[in-house]
N, C-alpha and C. Protein backbone atom coordinates (compact mmCIF):
# COMPACT_ATOMS: atom_id res chain seq x y z
N MET A 1 -6.49 23.56 10.62
CA MET A 1 -5.91 22.31 10.62
C MET A 1 -6.92 21.22 11.08
N THR A 2 -6.94 20.27 10.24
CA THR A 2 -7.94 19.13 10.53
C THR A 2 -7.20 17.99 11.37
N GLN A 3 -7.94 17.41 12.34
CA GLN A 3 -7.40 16.32 13.11
C GLN A 3 -7.95 15.06 12.39
N PHE A 4 -6.99 14.20 11.91
CA PHE A 4 -7.32 12.95 11.21
C PHE A 4 -7.05 11.75 12.13
N THR A 5 -8.03 10.86 12.27
CA THR A 5 -7.84 9.60 13.12
C THR A 5 -8.07 8.46 12.12
N PHE A 6 -7.02 7.66 11.88
CA PHE A 6 -7.00 6.56 10.91
C PHE A 6 -7.98 5.52 11.45
N ASP A 7 -8.81 4.93 10.50
CA ASP A 7 -9.77 3.88 10.90
C ASP A 7 -9.39 2.53 10.18
N PRO A 8 -8.53 1.72 10.82
CA PRO A 8 -8.14 0.53 10.21
C PRO A 8 -9.18 -0.47 9.94
N VAL A 9 -10.27 -0.47 10.67
CA VAL A 9 -11.36 -1.35 10.37
C VAL A 9 -11.93 -1.17 9.12
N HIS A 10 -12.02 0.10 8.56
CA HIS A 10 -12.57 0.41 7.29
C HIS A 10 -11.60 0.70 6.25
N SER A 11 -10.41 0.18 6.37
CA SER A 11 -9.36 0.48 5.44
C SER A 11 -8.66 -0.88 5.03
N ASP A 12 -8.00 -0.99 3.85
CA ASP A 12 -7.31 -2.19 3.50
C ASP A 12 -6.33 -1.91 2.42
N ILE A 13 -5.39 -2.94 2.20
CA ILE A 13 -4.34 -2.82 1.18
C ILE A 13 -4.41 -4.21 0.51
N GLN A 14 -4.68 -4.23 -0.83
CA GLN A 14 -4.76 -5.38 -1.64
C GLN A 14 -3.71 -5.35 -2.75
N PHE A 15 -3.17 -6.45 -3.16
CA PHE A 15 -2.24 -6.45 -4.24
C PHE A 15 -2.41 -7.69 -5.13
N GLN A 16 -1.74 -7.68 -6.32
CA GLN A 16 -1.79 -8.81 -7.23
C GLN A 16 -0.53 -8.77 -8.07
N ILE A 17 -0.07 -10.00 -8.45
CA ILE A 17 1.13 -10.16 -9.25
C ILE A 17 0.79 -11.26 -10.23
N LYS A 18 1.38 -11.18 -11.46
CA LYS A 18 1.16 -12.25 -12.41
C LYS A 18 1.94 -13.53 -11.97
N HIS A 19 1.29 -14.69 -12.15
CA HIS A 19 1.89 -15.96 -11.64
C HIS A 19 1.91 -16.86 -12.87
N LEU A 20 3.04 -17.50 -13.22
CA LEU A 20 3.25 -18.47 -14.26
C LEU A 20 2.82 -18.05 -15.68
N MET A 21 2.80 -16.72 -15.80
CA MET A 21 2.43 -16.13 -17.01
C MET A 21 0.96 -16.24 -17.49
N VAL A 22 0.16 -16.89 -16.60
CA VAL A 22 -1.13 -17.25 -17.05
C VAL A 22 -2.29 -16.76 -16.07
N SER A 23 -1.87 -16.40 -14.79
CA SER A 23 -2.94 -16.04 -13.82
C SER A 23 -2.35 -14.97 -12.89
N LYS A 24 -3.09 -14.66 -11.89
CA LYS A 24 -2.68 -13.63 -10.89
C LYS A 24 -2.85 -14.23 -9.50
N VAL A 25 -1.81 -13.91 -8.64
CA VAL A 25 -2.02 -14.21 -7.23
C VAL A 25 -2.34 -12.92 -6.47
N LYS A 26 -3.30 -13.01 -5.58
CA LYS A 26 -3.69 -11.74 -4.85
C LYS A 26 -3.42 -11.99 -3.41
N GLY A 27 -3.41 -10.84 -2.69
CA GLY A 27 -3.18 -10.91 -1.33
C GLY A 27 -3.51 -9.62 -0.63
N THR A 28 -3.38 -9.52 0.70
CA THR A 28 -3.50 -8.32 1.42
C THR A 28 -2.45 -8.24 2.48
N PHE A 29 -2.23 -7.04 2.99
CA PHE A 29 -1.49 -6.83 4.25
C PHE A 29 -2.50 -6.45 5.32
N THR A 30 -2.41 -7.21 6.41
CA THR A 30 -3.50 -6.97 7.47
C THR A 30 -3.04 -5.94 8.50
N GLN A 31 -1.71 -5.51 8.52
CA GLN A 31 -1.29 -4.62 9.55
C GLN A 31 -0.65 -3.41 8.84
N PHE A 32 -1.24 -2.17 8.92
CA PHE A 32 -0.69 -1.04 8.40
C PHE A 32 -1.38 0.12 9.07
N ASP A 33 -0.73 1.31 8.94
CA ASP A 33 -1.21 2.55 9.51
C ASP A 33 -0.98 3.76 8.54
N VAL A 34 -1.80 4.69 8.73
CA VAL A 34 -1.60 5.91 7.92
C VAL A 34 -1.79 7.19 8.89
N GLN A 35 -0.73 7.95 8.87
CA GLN A 35 -0.75 9.18 9.65
C GLN A 35 -0.98 10.38 8.55
N LEU A 36 -1.99 11.15 8.79
CA LEU A 36 -2.39 12.17 7.81
C LEU A 36 -2.47 13.57 8.61
N ASP A 37 -1.82 14.58 8.00
CA ASP A 37 -1.88 15.90 8.62
C ASP A 37 -2.25 16.92 7.55
N GLY A 38 -2.83 18.04 7.88
CA GLY A 38 -3.15 19.11 6.99
C GLY A 38 -4.55 19.54 6.98
N ASP A 39 -5.08 20.27 6.00
CA ASP A 39 -6.38 20.83 5.92
C ASP A 39 -7.15 20.07 4.84
N ILE A 40 -8.22 19.42 5.33
CA ILE A 40 -9.02 18.57 4.37
C ILE A 40 -9.69 19.50 3.28
N ASN A 41 -9.73 20.73 3.48
CA ASN A 41 -10.27 21.68 2.52
C ASN A 41 -9.21 22.15 1.52
N ASP A 42 -8.02 21.69 1.66
CA ASP A 42 -6.84 22.05 0.77
C ASP A 42 -5.97 20.89 0.63
N LEU A 43 -6.33 20.00 -0.37
CA LEU A 43 -5.65 18.73 -0.52
C LEU A 43 -4.11 18.96 -0.65
N SER A 44 -3.67 20.03 -1.32
CA SER A 44 -2.28 20.26 -1.42
C SER A 44 -1.53 20.45 -0.10
N SER A 45 -2.16 20.76 0.92
CA SER A 45 -1.59 20.90 2.30
C SER A 45 -1.42 19.54 2.93
N LEU A 46 -2.02 18.48 2.43
CA LEU A 46 -2.05 17.21 3.11
C LEU A 46 -0.63 16.57 3.08
N LYS A 47 -0.16 15.96 4.16
CA LYS A 47 1.09 15.20 4.23
C LYS A 47 0.69 13.89 4.88
N ALA A 48 1.18 12.80 4.31
CA ALA A 48 0.84 11.43 4.81
C ALA A 48 2.03 10.60 4.95
N THR A 49 2.09 9.70 5.92
CA THR A 49 3.01 8.60 6.05
C THR A 49 2.35 7.42 6.20
N ALA A 50 2.51 6.43 5.33
CA ALA A 50 1.80 5.11 5.44
C ALA A 50 2.94 4.05 5.91
N THR A 51 2.62 3.24 6.78
CA THR A 51 3.52 2.19 7.24
C THR A 51 2.84 0.80 7.10
N ILE A 52 3.57 -0.09 6.41
CA ILE A 52 3.08 -1.45 6.22
C ILE A 52 3.95 -2.40 6.98
N ILE A 53 3.32 -3.34 7.54
CA ILE A 53 4.11 -4.39 8.26
C ILE A 53 4.07 -5.64 7.23
N PRO A 54 5.21 -5.86 6.60
CA PRO A 54 5.21 -6.84 5.54
C PRO A 54 4.99 -8.34 6.03
N SER A 55 5.25 -8.55 7.35
CA SER A 55 5.05 -9.91 7.90
C SER A 55 3.55 -10.13 8.06
N SER A 56 2.69 -9.17 7.83
CA SER A 56 1.27 -9.38 7.94
C SER A 56 0.65 -9.78 6.59
N ILE A 57 1.51 -10.18 5.62
CA ILE A 57 0.98 -10.59 4.34
C ILE A 57 0.00 -11.82 4.54
N ASP A 58 -1.08 -11.74 3.70
CA ASP A 58 -2.02 -12.89 3.75
C ASP A 58 -2.47 -13.10 2.25
N THR A 59 -2.04 -14.22 1.75
CA THR A 59 -2.44 -14.67 0.45
C THR A 59 -3.34 -15.83 0.40
N GLN A 60 -3.88 -16.16 1.62
CA GLN A 60 -4.76 -17.37 1.76
C GLN A 60 -3.91 -18.66 1.58
N ASN A 61 -2.62 -18.63 1.67
CA ASN A 61 -1.85 -19.85 1.58
C ASN A 61 -0.63 -19.71 2.51
N GLU A 62 -0.67 -20.45 3.60
CA GLU A 62 0.39 -20.25 4.72
C GLU A 62 1.83 -20.58 4.14
N ASP A 63 1.92 -21.59 3.32
CA ASP A 63 3.34 -21.90 2.72
C ASP A 63 3.79 -20.78 1.92
N ARG A 64 2.94 -20.24 1.09
CA ARG A 64 3.32 -19.11 0.25
C ARG A 64 3.74 -17.79 0.97
N ASP A 65 2.82 -17.59 2.01
CA ASP A 65 3.15 -16.45 2.87
C ASP A 65 4.37 -16.60 3.64
N ASN A 66 4.74 -17.77 4.12
CA ASN A 66 6.06 -17.96 4.77
C ASN A 66 7.15 -17.80 3.77
N HIS A 67 7.08 -18.21 2.59
CA HIS A 67 8.13 -18.01 1.67
C HIS A 67 8.26 -16.53 1.28
N LEU A 68 7.17 -15.80 1.20
CA LEU A 68 7.19 -14.36 0.92
C LEU A 68 7.94 -13.61 2.03
N LYS A 69 7.81 -14.09 3.33
CA LYS A 69 8.43 -13.48 4.48
C LYS A 69 9.93 -13.85 4.50
N SER A 70 10.35 -14.83 3.72
CA SER A 70 11.82 -15.26 3.83
C SER A 70 12.65 -14.21 3.09
N GLY A 71 14.00 -14.62 3.09
CA GLY A 71 14.98 -13.75 2.39
C GLY A 71 14.84 -13.80 0.84
N ASP A 72 14.15 -14.71 0.29
CA ASP A 72 13.89 -14.81 -1.21
C ASP A 72 13.11 -13.51 -1.55
N PHE A 73 12.25 -13.05 -0.64
CA PHE A 73 11.38 -11.95 -0.99
C PHE A 73 11.53 -10.79 0.05
N PHE A 74 10.73 -10.71 1.08
CA PHE A 74 10.71 -9.53 1.93
C PHE A 74 11.77 -9.55 3.07
N ALA A 75 12.31 -10.60 3.39
CA ALA A 75 13.20 -10.72 4.45
C ALA A 75 12.74 -10.00 5.75
N THR A 76 11.57 -10.31 6.21
CA THR A 76 10.89 -9.64 7.30
C THR A 76 11.67 -9.73 8.62
N ASP A 77 12.61 -10.67 8.84
CA ASP A 77 13.39 -10.64 10.04
C ASP A 77 14.16 -9.33 10.13
N GLU A 78 14.71 -8.85 8.96
CA GLU A 78 15.48 -7.62 9.03
C GLU A 78 14.83 -6.42 8.56
N ASN A 79 13.62 -6.59 7.89
CA ASN A 79 12.87 -5.51 7.34
C ASN A 79 11.47 -5.57 7.91
N ASP A 80 11.23 -4.91 9.07
CA ASP A 80 9.94 -5.19 9.69
C ASP A 80 8.95 -4.12 9.32
N LYS A 81 9.26 -3.18 8.50
CA LYS A 81 8.27 -2.26 7.96
C LYS A 81 8.65 -1.59 6.67
N TRP A 82 7.66 -1.15 5.86
CA TRP A 82 7.83 -0.42 4.67
C TRP A 82 7.12 0.89 4.86
N THR A 83 7.56 1.96 4.19
CA THR A 83 6.95 3.28 4.44
C THR A 83 6.75 3.96 3.07
N PHE A 84 5.74 4.78 3.04
CA PHE A 84 5.50 5.73 1.93
C PHE A 84 5.31 7.13 2.51
N GLU A 85 6.14 8.11 2.21
CA GLU A 85 6.06 9.44 2.80
C GLU A 85 5.71 10.29 1.58
N THR A 86 4.57 10.99 1.69
CA THR A 86 4.21 11.83 0.59
C THR A 86 5.05 13.17 0.46
N LYS A 87 5.14 13.64 -0.81
CA LYS A 87 5.82 14.82 -1.08
C LYS A 87 4.80 15.75 -1.62
N GLU A 88 3.78 15.18 -2.33
CA GLU A 88 2.81 16.07 -2.92
C GLU A 88 1.53 15.28 -3.12
N ILE A 89 0.39 15.94 -2.88
CA ILE A 89 -0.90 15.24 -3.06
C ILE A 89 -1.80 16.26 -3.85
N SER A 90 -2.47 15.75 -4.77
CA SER A 90 -3.49 16.56 -5.52
C SER A 90 -4.78 15.82 -5.54
N GLU A 91 -5.77 16.21 -6.32
CA GLU A 91 -7.01 15.56 -6.30
C GLU A 91 -6.94 14.14 -7.00
N ASN A 92 -5.90 13.96 -7.89
CA ASN A 92 -5.88 12.65 -8.55
C ASN A 92 -4.58 11.97 -8.50
N LYS A 93 -3.49 12.60 -7.91
CA LYS A 93 -2.07 12.03 -7.91
C LYS A 93 -1.56 12.19 -6.51
N VAL A 94 -0.64 11.23 -6.12
CA VAL A 94 0.12 11.36 -4.92
C VAL A 94 1.53 10.90 -5.32
N THR A 95 2.52 11.80 -5.02
CA THR A 95 3.89 11.48 -5.21
C THR A 95 4.63 11.39 -3.79
N GLY A 96 5.54 10.37 -3.71
CA GLY A 96 6.27 10.33 -2.44
C GLY A 96 7.38 9.35 -2.54
N ASP A 97 8.13 9.16 -1.41
CA ASP A 97 9.22 8.21 -1.32
C ASP A 97 8.70 6.94 -0.68
N LEU A 98 8.81 5.86 -1.44
CA LEU A 98 8.46 4.46 -1.02
C LEU A 98 9.79 3.73 -0.58
N THR A 99 9.83 3.27 0.63
CA THR A 99 10.94 2.50 1.11
C THR A 99 10.57 1.04 1.41
N ILE A 100 11.21 0.11 0.72
CA ILE A 100 11.00 -1.33 0.91
C ILE A 100 12.36 -1.96 0.96
N LYS A 101 12.62 -2.76 2.00
CA LYS A 101 13.92 -3.41 2.13
C LYS A 101 15.06 -2.49 2.08
N GLY A 102 14.97 -1.31 2.66
CA GLY A 102 16.04 -0.36 2.65
C GLY A 102 16.28 0.39 1.33
N GLU A 103 15.52 0.07 0.33
CA GLU A 103 15.66 0.79 -0.94
C GLU A 103 14.52 1.87 -1.01
N THR A 104 14.86 3.05 -1.31
CA THR A 104 13.87 4.18 -1.39
C THR A 104 13.83 4.66 -2.82
N HIS A 105 12.67 4.87 -3.40
CA HIS A 105 12.50 5.44 -4.71
C HIS A 105 11.25 6.33 -4.66
N GLU A 106 11.24 7.30 -5.46
CA GLU A 106 10.07 8.18 -5.64
C GLU A 106 9.11 7.49 -6.55
N GLU A 107 7.90 7.49 -6.15
CA GLU A 107 6.73 6.90 -6.93
C GLU A 107 5.55 7.87 -6.95
N THR A 108 4.87 7.79 -8.01
CA THR A 108 3.64 8.55 -8.18
C THR A 108 2.52 7.54 -8.47
N PHE A 109 1.45 7.69 -7.71
CA PHE A 109 0.23 6.82 -7.80
C PHE A 109 -1.02 7.60 -8.02
N ASP A 110 -2.06 6.99 -8.50
CA ASP A 110 -3.35 7.61 -8.64
C ASP A 110 -3.94 7.62 -7.32
N VAL A 111 -4.60 8.75 -7.00
CA VAL A 111 -5.37 8.84 -5.75
C VAL A 111 -6.77 9.38 -6.01
N GLU A 112 -7.72 8.80 -5.31
CA GLU A 112 -9.10 9.24 -5.52
C GLU A 112 -9.58 9.74 -4.07
N PHE A 113 -9.87 11.09 -4.08
CA PHE A 113 -10.38 11.65 -2.85
C PHE A 113 -11.91 11.47 -2.88
N ASN A 114 -12.45 10.79 -1.78
CA ASN A 114 -13.90 10.54 -1.85
C ASN A 114 -14.72 11.58 -1.03
N GLY A 115 -14.14 12.76 -0.74
CA GLY A 115 -14.92 13.78 -0.07
C GLY A 115 -15.08 13.52 1.37
N VAL A 116 -16.08 14.15 2.01
CA VAL A 116 -16.32 14.18 3.49
C VAL A 116 -17.85 13.61 3.52
N SER A 117 -18.04 12.77 4.56
CA SER A 117 -19.33 12.27 4.81
C SER A 117 -19.60 12.22 6.33
N LYS A 118 -20.86 12.03 6.72
CA LYS A 118 -21.20 11.88 8.05
C LYS A 118 -21.62 10.38 8.34
N ASN A 119 -21.02 9.76 9.42
CA ASN A 119 -21.26 8.38 9.79
C ASN A 119 -22.65 8.42 10.56
N PRO A 120 -23.65 7.79 9.96
CA PRO A 120 -24.98 7.81 10.67
C PRO A 120 -25.04 7.02 12.03
N MET A 121 -23.94 6.22 12.19
CA MET A 121 -24.04 5.43 13.45
C MET A 121 -23.53 6.17 14.61
N ASN A 122 -22.57 7.10 14.43
CA ASN A 122 -22.11 7.91 15.54
C ASN A 122 -22.02 9.41 15.32
N GLY A 123 -22.39 9.83 14.09
CA GLY A 123 -22.40 11.31 13.82
C GLY A 123 -21.05 11.88 13.42
N ALA A 124 -20.05 11.04 13.38
CA ALA A 124 -18.67 11.54 13.16
C ALA A 124 -18.49 11.89 11.66
N GLN A 125 -17.76 12.92 11.42
CA GLN A 125 -17.43 13.34 9.99
C GLN A 125 -16.29 12.36 9.61
N VAL A 126 -16.28 11.82 8.47
CA VAL A 126 -15.30 10.94 7.91
C VAL A 126 -14.89 11.35 6.48
N THR A 127 -13.74 10.81 6.14
CA THR A 127 -13.20 11.05 4.85
C THR A 127 -12.47 9.80 4.27
N GLY A 128 -12.20 9.65 3.08
CA GLY A 128 -11.48 8.54 2.61
C GLY A 128 -10.79 8.75 1.31
N PHE A 129 -9.76 7.95 1.09
CA PHE A 129 -8.95 8.03 -0.07
C PHE A 129 -8.69 6.59 -0.58
N ILE A 130 -8.61 6.44 -1.96
CA ILE A 130 -8.24 5.26 -2.56
C ILE A 130 -6.97 5.51 -3.36
N VAL A 131 -5.92 4.81 -3.14
CA VAL A 131 -4.63 4.99 -3.88
C VAL A 131 -4.41 3.62 -4.68
N THR A 132 -4.14 3.77 -5.93
CA THR A 132 -3.87 2.65 -6.76
C THR A 132 -2.61 2.86 -7.58
N GLY A 133 -1.98 1.79 -7.91
CA GLY A 133 -0.70 1.92 -8.65
C GLY A 133 -0.04 0.64 -8.94
N THR A 134 1.09 0.78 -9.50
CA THR A 134 1.90 -0.43 -9.79
C THR A 134 3.41 -0.09 -9.50
N ILE A 135 4.02 -1.00 -8.83
CA ILE A 135 5.53 -0.78 -8.62
C ILE A 135 6.29 -1.94 -9.20
N ASP A 136 7.55 -1.66 -9.46
CA ASP A 136 8.39 -2.67 -10.07
C ASP A 136 9.17 -3.31 -8.80
N ARG A 137 8.84 -4.49 -8.45
CA ARG A 137 9.32 -5.13 -7.19
C ARG A 137 10.91 -5.30 -7.25
N GLU A 138 11.42 -5.38 -8.43
CA GLU A 138 12.86 -5.60 -8.58
C GLU A 138 13.73 -4.38 -8.15
N LYS A 139 13.04 -3.20 -8.31
CA LYS A 139 13.74 -1.95 -7.86
C LYS A 139 14.03 -1.97 -6.43
N TYR A 140 13.28 -2.81 -5.73
CA TYR A 140 13.41 -2.77 -4.11
C TYR A 140 14.02 -4.08 -3.66
N GLY A 141 14.78 -4.64 -4.57
CA GLY A 141 15.53 -5.84 -4.15
C GLY A 141 14.73 -7.11 -4.00
N ILE A 142 13.50 -7.15 -4.55
CA ILE A 142 12.62 -8.35 -4.50
C ILE A 142 12.64 -8.88 -5.89
N SER A 143 13.65 -9.73 -6.16
CA SER A 143 14.00 -10.17 -7.50
C SER A 143 13.79 -11.74 -7.78
N PHE A 144 13.47 -12.44 -6.68
CA PHE A 144 13.42 -13.88 -6.68
C PHE A 144 12.49 -14.27 -7.91
N ASN A 145 12.90 -15.27 -8.73
CA ASN A 145 12.08 -15.67 -9.85
C ASN A 145 12.67 -17.05 -10.39
N GLN A 146 11.96 -17.68 -11.21
CA GLN A 146 12.36 -18.88 -11.88
C GLN A 146 11.97 -18.88 -13.27
N ALA A 147 12.80 -19.36 -14.25
CA ALA A 147 12.45 -19.43 -15.68
C ALA A 147 11.55 -20.62 -15.90
N LEU A 148 10.58 -20.51 -16.70
CA LEU A 148 9.64 -21.66 -17.01
C LEU A 148 10.09 -22.33 -18.29
N GLU A 149 9.94 -23.68 -18.31
CA GLU A 149 10.37 -24.38 -19.50
C GLU A 149 9.58 -24.03 -20.69
N THR A 150 8.37 -23.51 -20.52
CA THR A 150 7.54 -23.13 -21.67
C THR A 150 7.77 -21.67 -21.98
N GLY A 151 8.74 -21.08 -21.44
CA GLY A 151 9.11 -19.61 -21.71
C GLY A 151 8.44 -18.80 -20.62
N GLY A 152 9.06 -17.63 -20.50
CA GLY A 152 8.64 -16.71 -19.46
C GLY A 152 9.20 -16.97 -18.15
N VAL A 153 8.67 -16.42 -17.08
CA VAL A 153 9.05 -16.57 -15.63
C VAL A 153 7.94 -16.83 -14.78
N MET A 154 8.23 -17.39 -13.62
CA MET A 154 7.20 -17.74 -12.70
C MET A 154 6.46 -16.47 -12.18
N LEU A 155 7.08 -15.38 -11.90
CA LEU A 155 6.44 -14.21 -11.38
C LEU A 155 6.71 -12.94 -12.17
N GLY A 156 5.70 -12.14 -12.31
CA GLY A 156 5.85 -10.92 -12.99
C GLY A 156 6.61 -9.87 -12.07
N LYS A 157 7.20 -8.90 -12.69
CA LYS A 157 7.95 -7.90 -11.92
C LYS A 157 7.00 -6.80 -11.44
N ASP A 158 5.98 -6.59 -12.06
CA ASP A 158 5.04 -5.48 -11.67
C ASP A 158 4.09 -6.05 -10.60
N VAL A 159 3.91 -5.29 -9.52
CA VAL A 159 2.92 -5.56 -8.47
C VAL A 159 1.91 -4.36 -8.57
N LYS A 160 0.63 -4.80 -8.73
CA LYS A 160 -0.44 -3.78 -8.82
C LYS A 160 -1.11 -3.82 -7.41
N PHE A 161 -1.45 -2.64 -6.93
CA PHE A 161 -2.07 -2.58 -5.60
C PHE A 161 -3.20 -1.56 -5.63
N GLU A 162 -4.05 -1.69 -4.55
CA GLU A 162 -5.06 -0.73 -4.25
C GLU A 162 -5.13 -0.53 -2.75
N ALA A 163 -4.97 0.61 -2.19
CA ALA A 163 -5.09 0.86 -0.81
C ALA A 163 -6.27 1.76 -0.50
N SER A 164 -7.08 1.47 0.42
CA SER A 164 -8.21 2.24 0.86
C SER A 164 -8.04 2.69 2.24
N ALA A 165 -8.07 4.03 2.52
CA ALA A 165 -7.88 4.52 3.88
C ALA A 165 -9.05 5.40 4.25
N GLU A 166 -9.61 5.20 5.44
CA GLU A 166 -10.65 6.01 5.92
C GLU A 166 -10.23 6.67 7.30
N PHE A 167 -10.67 7.89 7.44
CA PHE A 167 -10.34 8.70 8.67
C PHE A 167 -11.56 9.30 9.27
N SER A 168 -11.52 9.41 10.57
CA SER A 168 -12.50 10.36 11.26
C SER A 168 -11.87 11.70 11.37
N LEU A 169 -12.69 12.76 11.31
CA LEU A 169 -12.18 14.13 11.24
C LEU A 169 -12.65 14.89 12.48
N GLU A 170 -11.80 15.80 12.96
CA GLU A 170 -12.13 16.76 13.97
C GLU A 170 -11.41 18.09 13.60
N ASP A 171 -12.09 19.23 13.81
CA ASP A 171 -11.40 20.47 13.52
C ASP A 171 -10.58 20.83 14.70
């Protein structure tokens, strides 16, 4: 059994959503954690729980961030965390239950296992994963939108994301 210690300094979560049918708005979540258990030599044995603090959203615009924290979107006063609990991990896919605003749905995302390396600064063994995918925000009760007079809507329903997680390893 491998001991995994999450390294938030070398990890991140980025997302993007279509805006006004012509561009993308991008952002990050600055507070999140990943608990990982299993044997690094057998990816199918790995189990992970990722927790995101939605109030830590950062889109480089304070007014937009405050609107996203409101009841129109995340309702962070009542929904202080989101979770993803894995059911199955392979070399290129991860399936699990994603819970946002009290709504839980099974999702499958692409995962890239980046192997094991040695940190030259401290000699520690490290490993990392990159998870990418798209979710339909409306499935999770995040349905705020406005019709545009030129056709279409203000916000796309698909949210694309990339999460990168690094861990120190001990046997």
